[in-house]
Each structure stands twice: as C-alpha cells, then as structure tokens.
C-alpha cells in the first residue's frame, strides 16, 4: 500500500493496516504537532484529525 492510501482512513483502520504490512512503529500525531526529527526507516507517521488520517509519511 502506498503511504498516501492511508489518507482518509479511520485512525484505527490505518494503524491496523500498517501493522499488517510490516511497519514496526506507527506514530500518530495531531496535524502541526511538535515531534522529534529523528528519521527511522521502520516508522510510519500518521497525522490524524477528528479520527481520520490527513497526512502520512515514512520516517
């Protein structure tokens, strides 16, 4: 699944699919939230507002 295919999914569904597809770490953030800037190849980041994924990226 392409990272952008998570956009629009409910948070729980996106987290479940990410785990099924082998993402070791899934980080859920509010849009614009402060975060560490360390890059991790095995991490999928989900920006979630009102229970839906607005943005998704690796690292």
N, C-alpha and C. Protein backbone atom coordinates (compact mmCIF):
# COMPACT_ATOMS: atom_id res chain seq x y z
N UNK A 1 0.84 -1.18 0.00
CA UNK A 1 0.00 0.00 0.00
C UNK A 1 0.89 1.24 0.00
N UNK A 2 0.62 2.14 -0.89
CA UNK A 2 1.33 3.40 -0.94
C UNK A 2 0.97 4.23 0.29
N UNK A 3 1.91 4.98 0.81
CA UNK A 3 1.68 5.77 2.02
C UNK A 3 0.45 6.67 1.89
N UNK A 4 0.21 7.24 0.73
CA UNK A 4 -0.91 8.15 0.55
C UNK A 4 -2.26 7.44 0.57
N UNK A 5 -2.26 6.12 0.44
CA UNK A 5 -3.51 5.38 0.50
C UNK A 5 -4.08 5.32 1.92
N UNK A 6 -3.29 5.69 2.92
CA UNK A 6 -3.78 5.75 4.30
C UNK A 6 -4.62 7.01 4.53
N UNK A 7 -4.41 8.04 3.72
CA UNK A 7 -5.13 9.30 3.88
C UNK A 7 -6.62 9.06 3.69
N UNK A 8 -7.39 9.54 4.68
CA UNK A 8 -8.84 9.39 4.64
C UNK A 8 -9.35 8.21 5.46
N UNK A 9 -8.46 7.29 5.81
CA UNK A 9 -8.88 6.14 6.62
C UNK A 9 -9.07 6.56 8.08
N UNK A 10 -9.91 5.80 8.78
CA UNK A 10 -10.04 6.00 10.22
C UNK A 10 -8.71 5.62 10.87
N UNK A 11 -8.36 6.28 11.95
CA UNK A 11 -7.08 6.04 12.61
C UNK A 11 -6.87 4.57 12.94
N UNK A 12 -7.84 3.92 13.54
CA UNK A 12 -7.68 2.52 13.93
C UNK A 12 -7.46 1.62 12.72
N UNK A 13 -8.17 1.87 11.64
CA UNK A 13 -8.00 1.09 10.42
C UNK A 13 -6.61 1.30 9.84
N UNK A 14 -6.14 2.54 9.81
CA UNK A 14 -4.81 2.83 9.28
C UNK A 14 -3.73 2.15 10.12
N UNK A 15 -3.87 2.19 11.44
CA UNK A 15 -2.89 1.54 12.31
C UNK A 15 -2.89 0.03 12.10
N UNK A 16 -4.07 -0.55 11.97
CA UNK A 16 -4.17 -2.00 11.74
C UNK A 16 -3.52 -2.39 10.42
N UNK A 17 -3.82 -1.66 9.36
CA UNK A 17 -3.23 -1.97 8.05
C UNK A 17 -1.72 -1.80 8.06
N UNK A 18 -1.25 -0.77 8.74
CA UNK A 18 0.20 -0.54 8.82
C UNK A 18 0.89 -1.71 9.51
N UNK A 19 0.33 -2.18 10.59
CA UNK A 19 0.91 -3.32 11.31
C UNK A 19 0.89 -4.58 10.43
N UNK A 20 -0.20 -4.80 9.73
CA UNK A 20 -0.30 -5.96 8.83
C UNK A 20 0.75 -5.89 7.73
N UNK A 21 1.10 -4.70 7.31
CA UNK A 21 2.04 -4.52 6.21
C UNK A 21 3.49 -4.38 6.69
N UNK A 22 3.72 -4.63 7.97
CA UNK A 22 5.08 -4.74 8.46
C UNK A 22 5.71 -3.49 9.03
N UNK A 23 4.95 -2.41 9.17
CA UNK A 23 5.52 -1.23 9.80
C UNK A 23 5.77 -1.55 11.26
N UNK A 24 7.01 -1.42 11.71
CA UNK A 24 7.36 -1.75 13.09
C UNK A 24 6.85 -0.72 14.07
N UNK A 25 6.82 0.55 13.65
CA UNK A 25 6.36 1.63 14.51
C UNK A 25 5.40 2.51 13.73
N UNK A 26 4.27 2.82 14.35
CA UNK A 26 3.31 3.76 13.78
C UNK A 26 3.15 4.88 14.79
N UNK A 27 3.47 6.09 14.36
CA UNK A 27 3.37 7.26 15.24
C UNK A 27 2.18 8.08 14.80
N UNK A 28 1.26 8.34 15.74
CA UNK A 28 0.07 9.13 15.47
C UNK A 28 0.26 10.51 16.07
N UNK A 29 0.05 11.52 15.23
CA UNK A 29 0.25 12.91 15.64
C UNK A 29 -0.94 13.76 15.22
N UNK A 30 -1.19 14.80 15.97
CA UNK A 30 -2.16 15.79 15.52
C UNK A 30 -1.48 16.63 14.43
N UNK A 31 -2.22 17.10 13.43
CA UNK A 31 -1.59 17.95 12.41
C UNK A 31 -0.90 19.15 13.05
N UNK A 32 0.33 19.40 12.68
CA UNK A 32 1.10 20.51 13.21
C UNK A 32 1.72 20.28 14.58
N UNK A 33 1.58 19.06 15.13
CA UNK A 33 2.12 18.77 16.45
C UNK A 33 3.65 18.78 16.41
N UNK A 34 4.25 19.11 17.54
CA UNK A 34 5.70 19.03 17.65
C UNK A 34 6.11 17.56 17.68
N UNK A 35 7.26 17.26 17.05
CA UNK A 35 7.73 15.88 17.04
C UNK A 35 9.24 15.86 16.96
N UNK A 36 9.80 14.72 17.31
CA UNK A 36 11.24 14.57 17.14
C UNK A 36 11.54 14.48 15.65
N UNK A 37 12.73 14.88 15.28
CA UNK A 37 13.08 14.88 13.86
C UNK A 37 14.01 13.73 13.48
N UNK A 38 14.16 12.75 14.36
CA UNK A 38 14.97 11.59 14.01
C UNK A 38 14.26 10.79 12.93
N UNK A 39 15.00 10.35 11.94
CA UNK A 39 14.42 9.58 10.83
C UNK A 39 14.59 8.10 11.12
N UNK A 40 13.48 7.38 11.04
CA UNK A 40 13.51 5.92 11.24
C UNK A 40 12.83 5.28 10.05
N UNK A 41 13.55 4.47 9.33
CA UNK A 41 13.03 3.80 8.13
C UNK A 41 11.82 2.92 8.43
N UNK A 42 11.75 2.40 9.66
CA UNK A 42 10.69 1.46 10.01
C UNK A 42 9.48 2.14 10.65
N UNK A 43 9.40 3.47 10.57
CA UNK A 43 8.29 4.19 11.22
C UNK A 43 7.39 4.83 10.18
N UNK A 44 6.09 4.66 10.39
CA UNK A 44 5.08 5.32 9.58
C UNK A 44 4.43 6.37 10.46
N UNK A 45 4.38 7.60 9.98
CA UNK A 45 3.77 8.71 10.71
C UNK A 45 2.39 9.00 10.14
N UNK A 46 1.43 9.15 11.04
CA UNK A 46 0.06 9.46 10.64
C UNK A 46 -0.37 10.75 11.32
N UNK A 47 -0.70 11.75 10.55
CA UNK A 47 -1.28 12.98 11.10
C UNK A 47 -2.79 12.77 11.10
N UNK A 48 -3.38 12.80 12.29
CA UNK A 48 -4.80 12.45 12.45
C UNK A 48 -5.57 13.61 13.05
N UNK A 49 -6.69 13.94 12.41
CA UNK A 49 -7.61 14.97 12.92
C UNK A 49 -9.01 14.37 12.92
N UNK A 50 -9.69 14.51 14.04
CA UNK A 50 -11.07 14.00 14.18
C UNK A 50 -11.17 12.53 13.80
N UNK A 51 -10.14 11.75 14.15
CA UNK A 51 -10.18 10.31 13.94
C UNK A 51 -9.84 9.84 12.53
N UNK A 52 -9.47 10.74 11.63
CA UNK A 52 -9.15 10.40 10.24
C UNK A 52 -7.73 10.84 9.89
N UNK A 53 -7.06 10.04 9.09
CA UNK A 53 -5.70 10.35 8.66
C UNK A 53 -5.75 11.47 7.61
N UNK A 54 -5.04 12.55 7.89
CA UNK A 54 -4.95 13.67 6.95
C UNK A 54 -3.66 13.63 6.13
N UNK A 55 -2.62 13.07 6.73
CA UNK A 55 -1.31 13.02 6.06
C UNK A 55 -0.57 11.80 6.55
N UNK A 56 0.28 11.23 5.70
CA UNK A 56 1.04 10.05 6.06
C UNK A 56 2.41 10.12 5.40
N UNK A 57 3.47 9.77 6.19
CA UNK A 57 4.82 9.76 5.63
C UNK A 57 5.70 8.80 6.40
N UNK A 58 6.74 8.36 5.74
CA UNK A 58 7.70 7.44 6.34
C UNK A 58 8.77 8.23 7.08
N UNK A 59 9.28 7.65 8.15
CA UNK A 59 10.42 8.24 8.83
C UNK A 59 10.10 8.59 10.21
